N, C-alpha and C. Protein backbone atom coordinates (compact mmCIF):
# COMPACT_ATOMS: atom_id res chain seq x y z
N MET A 1 -8.83 -6.66 -27.27
CA MET A 1 -9.37 -5.36 -26.91
C MET A 1 -8.31 -4.25 -27.06
N GLU A 2 -8.51 -3.32 -27.68
CA GLU A 2 -7.70 -2.11 -27.83
C GLU A 2 -7.89 -1.16 -26.50
N VAL A 3 -6.65 -0.78 -26.01
CA VAL A 3 -6.64 0.06 -24.90
C VAL A 3 -6.16 1.38 -25.38
N ASN A 4 -6.96 2.39 -25.01
CA ASN A 4 -6.61 3.79 -25.32
C ASN A 4 -5.53 4.41 -24.34
N SER A 5 -4.43 4.69 -24.88
CA SER A 5 -3.31 4.92 -24.09
C SER A 5 -3.63 6.44 -23.30
N SER A 6 -4.62 7.24 -23.81
CA SER A 6 -4.82 8.46 -23.11
C SER A 6 -5.93 8.36 -22.15
N ALA A 7 -6.49 7.11 -21.85
CA ALA A 7 -7.54 6.83 -20.99
C ALA A 7 -7.00 6.93 -19.48
N THR A 8 -7.80 7.31 -18.71
CA THR A 8 -7.40 7.32 -17.22
C THR A 8 -7.87 6.16 -16.35
N THR A 9 -8.87 5.42 -16.93
CA THR A 9 -9.49 4.28 -16.44
C THR A 9 -9.66 3.14 -17.59
N GLY A 10 -9.47 1.98 -17.18
CA GLY A 10 -9.77 0.83 -18.02
C GLY A 10 -9.22 -0.52 -17.61
N PRO A 11 -9.12 -1.57 -18.55
CA PRO A 11 -8.55 -2.81 -18.03
C PRO A 11 -7.14 -2.51 -17.57
N PHE A 12 -6.95 -3.29 -16.59
CA PHE A 12 -5.46 -2.97 -15.94
C PHE A 12 -4.73 -4.14 -15.28
N ASP A 13 -3.44 -3.90 -15.14
CA ASP A 13 -2.50 -4.71 -14.28
C ASP A 13 -1.97 -3.90 -13.03
N VAL A 14 -1.77 -4.68 -12.15
CA VAL A 14 -1.21 -4.14 -10.93
C VAL A 14 0.21 -4.61 -10.61
N TYR A 15 1.08 -3.65 -10.43
CA TYR A 15 2.54 -4.00 -10.21
C TYR A 15 2.87 -3.46 -8.74
N LEU A 16 3.47 -4.41 -7.90
CA LEU A 16 3.98 -3.92 -6.57
C LEU A 16 5.26 -3.23 -6.68
N ALA A 17 5.30 -1.98 -6.32
CA ALA A 17 6.61 -1.27 -6.38
C ALA A 17 7.32 -1.45 -5.02
N ASP A 18 6.75 -1.53 -3.91
CA ASP A 18 7.32 -1.65 -2.59
C ASP A 18 6.37 -2.02 -1.48
N MET A 19 6.80 -2.45 -0.41
CA MET A 19 6.03 -2.78 0.66
C MET A 19 6.84 -2.19 1.90
N LYS A 20 5.97 -1.81 3.07
CA LYS A 20 6.65 -1.46 4.29
C LYS A 20 5.70 -1.86 5.34
N TYR A 21 6.26 -1.82 6.66
CA TYR A 21 5.58 -2.19 7.79
C TYR A 21 4.61 -0.95 8.21
N CYS A 22 3.65 -1.39 8.82
CA CYS A 22 2.75 -0.34 9.26
C CYS A 22 3.35 0.43 10.39
N PRO A 23 3.01 1.59 10.69
CA PRO A 23 3.60 2.49 11.71
C PRO A 23 3.43 1.89 13.11
N GLU A 24 2.21 1.22 13.25
CA GLU A 24 1.76 0.77 14.55
C GLU A 24 1.70 -0.79 14.29
N PRO A 25 2.81 -1.56 14.61
CA PRO A 25 2.57 -2.97 14.37
C PRO A 25 1.66 -3.66 15.18
N SER A 26 1.06 -4.82 14.82
CA SER A 26 0.13 -5.55 15.54
C SER A 26 0.89 -6.78 15.96
N LYS A 27 0.30 -7.51 16.92
CA LYS A 27 1.02 -8.68 17.34
C LYS A 27 0.29 -9.92 16.99
N GLY A 28 -0.90 -9.97 16.13
CA GLY A 28 -1.59 -11.10 15.93
C GLY A 28 -0.80 -11.87 14.80
N ILE A 29 -0.39 -11.25 13.78
CA ILE A 29 0.63 -11.96 12.68
C ILE A 29 1.81 -10.95 12.65
N GLU A 30 2.93 -11.53 12.94
CA GLU A 30 4.22 -10.76 12.90
C GLU A 30 5.08 -11.28 11.70
N PHE A 31 5.92 -10.50 11.03
CA PHE A 31 6.79 -11.03 10.09
C PHE A 31 7.74 -10.16 9.72
N GLU A 32 8.99 -10.62 9.21
CA GLU A 32 10.01 -9.94 8.65
C GLU A 32 10.15 -10.37 7.23
N PHE A 33 10.29 -9.42 6.25
CA PHE A 33 10.13 -10.02 4.89
C PHE A 33 11.13 -9.28 3.99
N LYS A 34 11.39 -9.86 2.92
CA LYS A 34 12.28 -9.25 1.93
C LYS A 34 11.58 -9.43 0.51
N LEU A 35 11.59 -8.51 -0.35
CA LEU A 35 11.12 -8.67 -1.64
C LEU A 35 12.13 -8.89 -2.66
N GLN A 36 11.89 -9.71 -3.58
CA GLN A 36 12.71 -10.26 -4.72
C GLN A 36 12.10 -10.04 -5.96
N ARG A 37 12.45 -9.03 -6.62
CA ARG A 37 11.76 -8.82 -7.93
C ARG A 37 12.29 -9.65 -9.00
N GLN A 38 11.45 -10.35 -9.80
CA GLN A 38 11.98 -11.28 -10.71
C GLN A 38 11.70 -10.67 -12.06
N SER A 39 10.69 -9.72 -12.25
CA SER A 39 10.50 -8.89 -13.39
C SER A 39 9.60 -7.66 -13.05
N ARG A 40 9.27 -6.83 -13.86
CA ARG A 40 8.51 -5.72 -13.54
C ARG A 40 7.17 -6.18 -12.84
N LYS A 41 6.63 -7.25 -13.23
CA LYS A 41 5.25 -7.78 -12.66
C LYS A 41 5.50 -8.71 -11.51
N ASN A 42 6.54 -9.63 -11.62
CA ASN A 42 6.63 -10.70 -10.71
C ASN A 42 7.59 -10.49 -9.51
N VAL A 43 6.94 -10.61 -8.36
CA VAL A 43 7.81 -10.28 -7.13
C VAL A 43 7.58 -11.66 -6.17
N VAL A 44 8.68 -11.95 -5.51
CA VAL A 44 8.64 -13.03 -4.58
C VAL A 44 8.85 -12.50 -3.27
N ILE A 45 8.04 -12.81 -2.29
CA ILE A 45 8.14 -12.40 -1.00
C ILE A 45 8.73 -13.45 -0.15
N SER A 46 9.95 -13.30 0.50
CA SER A 46 10.45 -14.29 1.41
C SER A 46 10.21 -13.77 2.89
N ALA A 47 9.73 -14.55 3.73
CA ALA A 47 9.41 -13.93 5.06
C ALA A 47 9.43 -14.97 6.13
N ASN A 48 9.79 -14.58 7.23
CA ASN A 48 9.65 -15.31 8.45
C ASN A 48 8.39 -14.81 9.23
N VAL A 49 7.28 -15.71 9.43
CA VAL A 49 6.13 -15.38 9.89
C VAL A 49 5.75 -15.97 11.19
N THR A 50 5.25 -15.32 12.16
CA THR A 50 4.69 -15.87 13.39
C THR A 50 3.26 -15.60 13.45
N ILE A 51 2.48 -16.61 13.31
CA ILE A 51 0.97 -16.44 13.38
C ILE A 51 0.52 -16.68 14.83
N ASN A 52 0.09 -15.70 15.53
CA ASN A 52 -0.40 -15.88 16.91
C ASN A 52 -1.90 -15.99 16.98
N VAL A 53 -2.67 -15.76 15.89
CA VAL A 53 -4.07 -16.07 15.98
C VAL A 53 -4.20 -16.88 14.63
N PRO A 54 -5.18 -17.92 14.71
CA PRO A 54 -5.37 -18.77 13.46
C PRO A 54 -5.73 -17.77 12.39
N LEU A 55 -5.28 -18.03 11.05
CA LEU A 55 -5.66 -17.25 10.05
C LEU A 55 -6.75 -17.92 9.25
N ASP A 56 -7.91 -17.53 9.47
CA ASP A 56 -9.14 -18.24 9.02
C ASP A 56 -10.25 -17.24 8.59
N ASP A 57 -11.44 -17.82 8.30
CA ASP A 57 -12.50 -16.93 7.94
C ASP A 57 -13.16 -16.23 9.12
N GLU A 58 -12.62 -16.36 10.20
CA GLU A 58 -13.08 -15.48 11.41
C GLU A 58 -12.52 -14.04 11.29
N LEU A 59 -11.43 -13.86 10.43
CA LEU A 59 -10.72 -12.76 10.20
C LEU A 59 -11.38 -11.87 9.04
N ASP A 60 -11.37 -10.55 9.15
CA ASP A 60 -11.97 -9.64 8.08
C ASP A 60 -10.71 -8.97 7.44
N VAL A 61 -10.74 -8.52 6.21
CA VAL A 61 -9.82 -7.74 5.58
C VAL A 61 -10.20 -6.19 5.24
N SER A 62 -9.53 -5.41 5.42
CA SER A 62 -9.88 -3.98 5.11
C SER A 62 -8.74 -3.50 4.08
N VAL A 63 -9.07 -2.87 3.03
CA VAL A 63 -8.06 -2.30 2.16
C VAL A 63 -8.55 -0.80 1.81
N ASN A 64 -7.61 0.06 2.14
CA ASN A 64 -7.80 1.38 1.99
C ASN A 64 -6.70 2.03 1.09
N LEU A 65 -7.16 2.57 -0.21
CA LEU A 65 -6.23 2.92 -1.12
C LEU A 65 -6.19 4.57 -1.12
N ALA A 66 -4.95 5.02 -1.02
CA ALA A 66 -4.61 6.53 -1.18
C ALA A 66 -4.12 6.59 -2.56
N LYS A 67 -4.51 7.55 -3.52
CA LYS A 67 -4.23 7.89 -4.82
C LYS A 67 -3.19 9.06 -4.92
N GLN A 68 -2.15 8.77 -5.64
CA GLN A 68 -1.12 9.82 -5.66
C GLN A 68 -1.68 11.01 -6.88
N THR A 69 -1.77 12.09 -6.51
CA THR A 69 -2.18 13.23 -7.38
C THR A 69 -1.13 14.22 -7.42
N SER A 70 -1.22 15.32 -8.28
CA SER A 70 -0.27 16.37 -8.43
C SER A 70 -0.24 17.21 -7.10
N GLN A 71 -1.36 17.09 -6.32
CA GLN A 71 -1.54 17.82 -5.15
C GLN A 71 -1.11 16.96 -3.78
N GLY A 72 -0.72 15.82 -4.15
CA GLY A 72 -0.32 14.86 -2.95
C GLY A 72 -1.16 13.65 -2.95
N TRP A 73 -1.27 13.02 -1.81
CA TRP A 73 -2.01 11.79 -1.84
C TRP A 73 -3.48 12.08 -1.34
N LYS A 74 -4.27 11.49 -2.23
CA LYS A 74 -5.76 11.62 -1.92
C LYS A 74 -6.20 10.44 -1.08
N GLU A 75 -6.27 10.69 0.16
CA GLU A 75 -6.72 9.58 1.16
C GLU A 75 -8.10 9.05 0.90
N ASN A 76 -8.25 7.86 1.25
CA ASN A 76 -9.62 7.18 1.18
C ASN A 76 -10.22 7.21 -0.10
N TYR A 77 -9.13 7.00 -1.17
CA TYR A 77 -9.66 7.02 -2.61
C TYR A 77 -10.59 5.95 -2.85
N PHE A 78 -10.20 4.72 -2.31
CA PHE A 78 -10.96 3.58 -2.48
C PHE A 78 -10.85 2.66 -1.32
N ILE A 79 -11.98 2.11 -0.89
CA ILE A 79 -12.13 1.46 0.44
C ILE A 79 -12.80 0.08 0.18
N LEU A 80 -12.24 -0.83 0.59
CA LEU A 80 -12.84 -2.25 0.35
C LEU A 80 -12.86 -2.95 1.74
N GLU A 81 -13.89 -3.32 2.28
CA GLU A 81 -14.03 -4.22 3.43
C GLU A 81 -14.50 -5.55 3.05
N VAL A 82 -13.80 -6.65 3.31
CA VAL A 82 -14.15 -7.91 2.97
C VAL A 82 -14.16 -8.92 4.26
N PRO A 83 -15.15 -9.57 4.31
CA PRO A 83 -15.16 -10.54 5.47
C PRO A 83 -14.50 -11.88 5.00
N LYS A 84 -14.15 -12.67 6.00
CA LYS A 84 -13.57 -13.95 5.75
C LYS A 84 -12.30 -13.92 4.89
N ALA A 85 -11.21 -13.82 5.72
CA ALA A 85 -9.78 -13.44 5.21
C ALA A 85 -9.32 -14.66 4.45
N CYS A 86 -9.58 -15.88 4.90
CA CYS A 86 -9.18 -17.01 4.20
C CYS A 86 -9.71 -17.08 2.76
N SER A 87 -11.05 -16.99 2.62
CA SER A 87 -11.69 -17.04 1.31
C SER A 87 -11.29 -15.88 0.51
N THR A 88 -11.08 -14.82 1.10
CA THR A 88 -10.40 -13.52 0.43
C THR A 88 -9.15 -13.77 -0.13
N MET A 89 -8.24 -14.40 0.49
CA MET A 89 -6.79 -14.74 0.00
C MET A 89 -6.92 -15.53 -1.41
N LYS A 90 -7.95 -16.66 -1.15
CA LYS A 90 -8.08 -17.50 -2.40
C LYS A 90 -8.67 -16.56 -3.62
N LEU A 91 -9.49 -15.71 -3.47
CA LEU A 91 -9.89 -14.88 -4.45
C LEU A 91 -8.96 -13.81 -5.15
N TYR A 92 -8.26 -13.19 -4.12
CA TYR A 92 -7.48 -12.03 -4.64
C TYR A 92 -5.84 -12.38 -4.77
N VAL A 93 -5.43 -13.31 -4.08
CA VAL A 93 -3.95 -13.55 -4.29
C VAL A 93 -3.86 -15.20 -4.20
N PRO A 94 -4.58 -15.95 -5.16
CA PRO A 94 -4.81 -17.40 -5.20
C PRO A 94 -3.46 -18.10 -5.22
N ALA A 95 -2.40 -17.67 -5.93
CA ALA A 95 -1.10 -18.17 -6.13
C ALA A 95 -0.49 -18.31 -4.70
N MET A 96 -0.40 -17.26 -3.99
CA MET A 96 -0.05 -16.93 -2.68
C MET A 96 -0.62 -17.89 -1.63
N GLU A 97 -1.94 -18.01 -1.71
CA GLU A 97 -2.55 -18.92 -0.85
C GLU A 97 -2.23 -20.45 -1.21
N GLN A 98 -2.22 -20.86 -2.31
CA GLN A 98 -1.69 -22.13 -2.62
C GLN A 98 -0.27 -22.36 -2.10
N ASP A 99 0.53 -21.46 -2.41
CA ASP A 99 1.99 -21.73 -2.01
C ASP A 99 2.07 -21.64 -0.47
N LEU A 100 1.46 -20.85 0.23
CA LEU A 100 1.37 -20.76 1.76
C LEU A 100 0.97 -22.15 2.24
N ALA A 101 -0.15 -22.75 1.73
CA ALA A 101 -0.73 -23.94 2.16
C ALA A 101 0.31 -24.96 1.89
N ARG A 102 0.97 -24.98 0.75
CA ARG A 102 1.89 -26.09 0.37
C ARG A 102 3.14 -26.08 1.23
N GLN A 103 3.61 -24.94 1.53
CA GLN A 103 4.78 -24.78 2.28
C GLN A 103 4.46 -25.05 3.83
N MET A 104 3.14 -25.01 4.24
CA MET A 104 2.90 -25.29 5.49
C MET A 104 2.31 -26.73 5.66
N ASN A 105 2.47 -27.51 4.66
CA ASN A 105 2.07 -28.92 4.41
C ASN A 105 0.55 -29.01 4.80
N LEU A 106 -0.17 -28.02 4.25
CA LEU A 106 -1.64 -28.04 4.32
C LEU A 106 -2.30 -28.17 2.87
N LYS A 107 -3.56 -28.42 2.80
CA LYS A 107 -4.12 -28.39 1.40
C LYS A 107 -4.67 -26.93 1.14
N HIS A 108 -5.06 -26.13 2.22
CA HIS A 108 -5.52 -24.84 1.96
C HIS A 108 -5.73 -24.25 3.27
N CYS A 109 -5.98 -23.02 3.45
CA CYS A 109 -6.12 -22.33 4.65
C CYS A 109 -7.44 -22.75 5.38
N PRO A 110 -7.63 -22.87 6.63
CA PRO A 110 -7.11 -21.95 7.58
C PRO A 110 -5.73 -22.49 7.89
N TYR A 111 -4.86 -21.40 8.39
CA TYR A 111 -3.49 -21.61 8.82
C TYR A 111 -3.40 -21.56 10.28
N PRO A 112 -2.79 -22.59 10.94
CA PRO A 112 -2.80 -22.45 12.36
C PRO A 112 -1.65 -21.71 12.88
N VAL A 113 -1.82 -21.36 14.33
CA VAL A 113 -0.82 -20.70 14.97
C VAL A 113 0.53 -21.36 14.78
N GLY A 114 1.53 -20.57 14.67
CA GLY A 114 2.89 -21.18 14.46
C GLY A 114 3.86 -20.30 13.74
N ASN A 115 5.16 -20.83 13.61
CA ASN A 115 6.16 -19.95 12.93
C ASN A 115 6.47 -20.75 11.67
N TYR A 116 6.51 -19.72 10.68
CA TYR A 116 6.82 -20.34 9.42
C TYR A 116 7.94 -19.51 8.54
N SER A 117 8.59 -20.12 7.72
CA SER A 117 9.58 -19.54 6.84
C SER A 117 9.01 -19.89 5.43
N LEU A 118 8.69 -18.69 4.72
CA LEU A 118 8.04 -18.85 3.30
C LEU A 118 8.82 -18.04 2.30
N SER A 119 8.53 -18.58 1.05
CA SER A 119 8.99 -17.82 -0.08
C SER A 119 7.92 -17.89 -1.14
N VAL A 120 7.11 -16.98 -1.32
CA VAL A 120 5.89 -17.13 -2.24
C VAL A 120 5.85 -16.05 -3.37
N PRO A 121 5.30 -16.23 -4.41
CA PRO A 121 5.15 -15.25 -5.43
C PRO A 121 4.04 -14.41 -5.02
N LEU A 122 4.10 -13.10 -5.34
CA LEU A 122 2.76 -12.33 -5.06
C LEU A 122 2.33 -11.81 -6.27
N GLU A 123 1.15 -12.45 -6.58
CA GLU A 123 0.44 -11.99 -7.98
C GLU A 123 -0.88 -11.52 -7.35
N ILE A 124 -1.17 -10.27 -7.66
CA ILE A 124 -2.38 -9.65 -7.25
C ILE A 124 -3.39 -9.88 -8.36
N ASN A 125 -4.54 -10.62 -8.20
CA ASN A 125 -5.59 -10.95 -9.15
C ASN A 125 -6.69 -10.07 -8.64
N VAL A 126 -6.98 -9.16 -9.37
CA VAL A 126 -8.15 -8.20 -9.15
C VAL A 126 -9.16 -8.39 -10.35
N GLY A 127 -9.31 -9.49 -10.83
CA GLY A 127 -10.39 -9.85 -11.88
C GLY A 127 -11.75 -9.44 -11.52
N VAL A 128 -11.99 -9.39 -10.24
CA VAL A 128 -13.35 -9.01 -9.89
C VAL A 128 -13.76 -7.67 -10.23
N PHE A 129 -12.68 -6.76 -10.46
CA PHE A 129 -12.82 -5.31 -10.96
C PHE A 129 -12.33 -5.24 -12.38
N PRO A 130 -13.30 -5.13 -13.35
CA PRO A 130 -12.82 -5.12 -14.79
C PRO A 130 -11.97 -4.00 -15.25
N VAL A 131 -12.35 -2.79 -14.59
CA VAL A 131 -11.57 -1.66 -14.88
C VAL A 131 -11.35 -0.85 -13.65
N PHE A 132 -10.32 0.03 -13.63
CA PHE A 132 -9.75 0.65 -12.42
C PHE A 132 -9.05 1.91 -12.97
N PRO A 133 -9.13 3.06 -12.17
CA PRO A 133 -8.36 4.35 -12.63
C PRO A 133 -6.86 3.87 -12.56
N TYR A 134 -6.11 4.32 -13.55
CA TYR A 134 -4.68 4.18 -13.56
C TYR A 134 -3.95 5.24 -12.62
N GLY A 135 -2.87 4.71 -12.04
CA GLY A 135 -2.07 5.65 -11.16
C GLY A 135 -1.21 4.94 -10.33
N LYS A 136 -0.76 5.79 -9.27
CA LYS A 136 0.09 5.20 -8.23
C LYS A 136 -0.71 5.22 -6.94
N TYR A 137 -0.79 4.15 -6.26
CA TYR A 137 -1.56 4.12 -4.86
C TYR A 137 -0.63 3.56 -3.75
N LEU A 138 -1.02 4.12 -2.64
CA LEU A 138 -0.56 3.42 -1.29
C LEU A 138 -1.69 2.63 -0.89
N SER A 139 -1.50 1.34 -0.74
CA SER A 139 -2.51 0.32 -0.37
C SER A 139 -2.21 0.04 1.17
N LYS A 140 -3.22 0.39 2.11
CA LYS A 140 -3.09 0.02 3.42
C LYS A 140 -4.07 -1.19 3.73
N VAL A 141 -3.58 -2.33 3.94
CA VAL A 141 -4.09 -3.59 4.24
C VAL A 141 -4.13 -4.00 5.68
N SER A 142 -5.34 -4.17 6.17
CA SER A 142 -5.43 -4.46 7.64
C SER A 142 -6.28 -5.79 7.68
N VAL A 143 -5.82 -6.62 8.68
CA VAL A 143 -6.57 -7.94 9.10
C VAL A 143 -7.22 -7.71 10.36
N MET A 144 -8.48 -7.87 10.52
CA MET A 144 -9.13 -7.61 11.75
C MET A 144 -9.81 -8.86 12.30
N LYS A 145 -9.79 -8.99 13.62
CA LYS A 145 -10.61 -10.12 14.29
C LYS A 145 -11.41 -9.34 15.30
N LYS A 146 -12.66 -9.40 14.95
CA LYS A 146 -13.69 -8.66 15.95
C LYS A 146 -13.28 -7.30 16.15
N LYS A 147 -13.02 -6.56 14.85
CA LYS A 147 -12.87 -5.18 14.91
C LYS A 147 -11.39 -4.82 15.45
N LYS A 148 -10.54 -5.76 15.91
CA LYS A 148 -9.36 -5.47 16.41
C LYS A 148 -8.27 -5.84 15.46
N ARG A 149 -7.25 -5.02 14.93
CA ARG A 149 -6.34 -5.27 13.96
C ARG A 149 -5.39 -6.32 14.52
N VAL A 150 -5.18 -7.36 13.74
CA VAL A 150 -4.17 -8.30 14.14
C VAL A 150 -2.94 -8.52 13.04
N PHE A 151 -3.11 -7.65 11.89
CA PHE A 151 -2.11 -7.71 10.98
C PHE A 151 -2.26 -6.38 10.11
N CYS A 152 -1.12 -5.86 9.53
CA CYS A 152 -1.12 -4.66 8.68
C CYS A 152 0.09 -4.73 8.01
N ILE A 153 -0.07 -4.14 6.68
CA ILE A 153 1.03 -3.93 5.76
C ILE A 153 0.62 -2.88 4.76
N HIS A 154 1.49 -2.02 4.44
CA HIS A 154 1.32 -1.02 3.54
C HIS A 154 2.23 -1.37 2.14
N GLY A 155 1.60 -1.09 1.08
CA GLY A 155 2.27 -1.44 -0.20
C GLY A 155 1.99 -0.35 -1.29
N PHE A 156 3.06 -0.03 -1.93
CA PHE A 156 2.87 0.98 -3.14
C PHE A 156 2.66 0.12 -4.33
N VAL A 157 1.70 0.52 -4.93
CA VAL A 157 1.34 -0.21 -6.18
C VAL A 157 1.03 0.64 -7.44
N ASN A 158 1.35 0.23 -8.65
CA ASN A 158 1.18 1.01 -9.73
C ASN A 158 0.01 0.29 -10.62
N VAL A 159 -0.99 0.98 -10.90
CA VAL A 159 -2.10 0.42 -11.86
C VAL A 159 -1.90 0.95 -13.13
N VAL A 160 -1.70 0.13 -14.14
CA VAL A 160 -1.34 0.58 -15.48
C VAL A 160 -2.31 -0.14 -16.51
N PRO A 161 -2.34 0.37 -17.70
CA PRO A 161 -3.18 -0.28 -18.71
C PRO A 161 -2.70 -1.63 -18.89
N LYS A 162 -3.68 -2.61 -19.05
CA LYS A 162 -3.40 -4.09 -19.23
C LYS A 162 -2.59 -4.26 -20.64
N LYS A 163 -1.67 -5.06 -20.64
CA LYS A 163 -0.92 -5.37 -21.83
C LYS A 163 -1.76 -6.44 -22.59
N SER A 164 -1.90 -6.17 -23.79
CA SER A 164 -2.73 -7.09 -24.69
C SER A 164 -1.86 -8.32 -24.95
N GLY A 165 -2.50 -9.41 -25.00
CA GLY A 165 -1.59 -10.61 -25.32
C GLY A 165 -1.50 -11.65 -24.29
């Protein structure tokens, strides 16, 4: 497939530029992390994680994207509410879910309460969306249990035309 370089929307890749803690941390899942960039696309997250609530399909995921424009950040540009956090991880970050399970000596999630030291690759798989507007985004990801936030992280991502090959 030929990608038009002047297009503003199309097939895409997502690159993580940076991550930061939410301004109001939650106590359900706590962690300290370090990003190790292996290439433009490949990032490994090393983290010490304390899971105070089981990470299972009782949790829901909320993703809110702000898009960078010439006038600043356009808030609420894209909002995605997804039930079943465990199943969502398998769909959107399958390599991370598999590595988490392996490092916790499990076959797959759910993940029990506990303290963990992890080092996992972050590969964002958004194949459920065949096209997306290119640009820079602030991604605000929250994990909720019965509408109460138990985890939150902010990430800066670049959505760029998919490289052929």
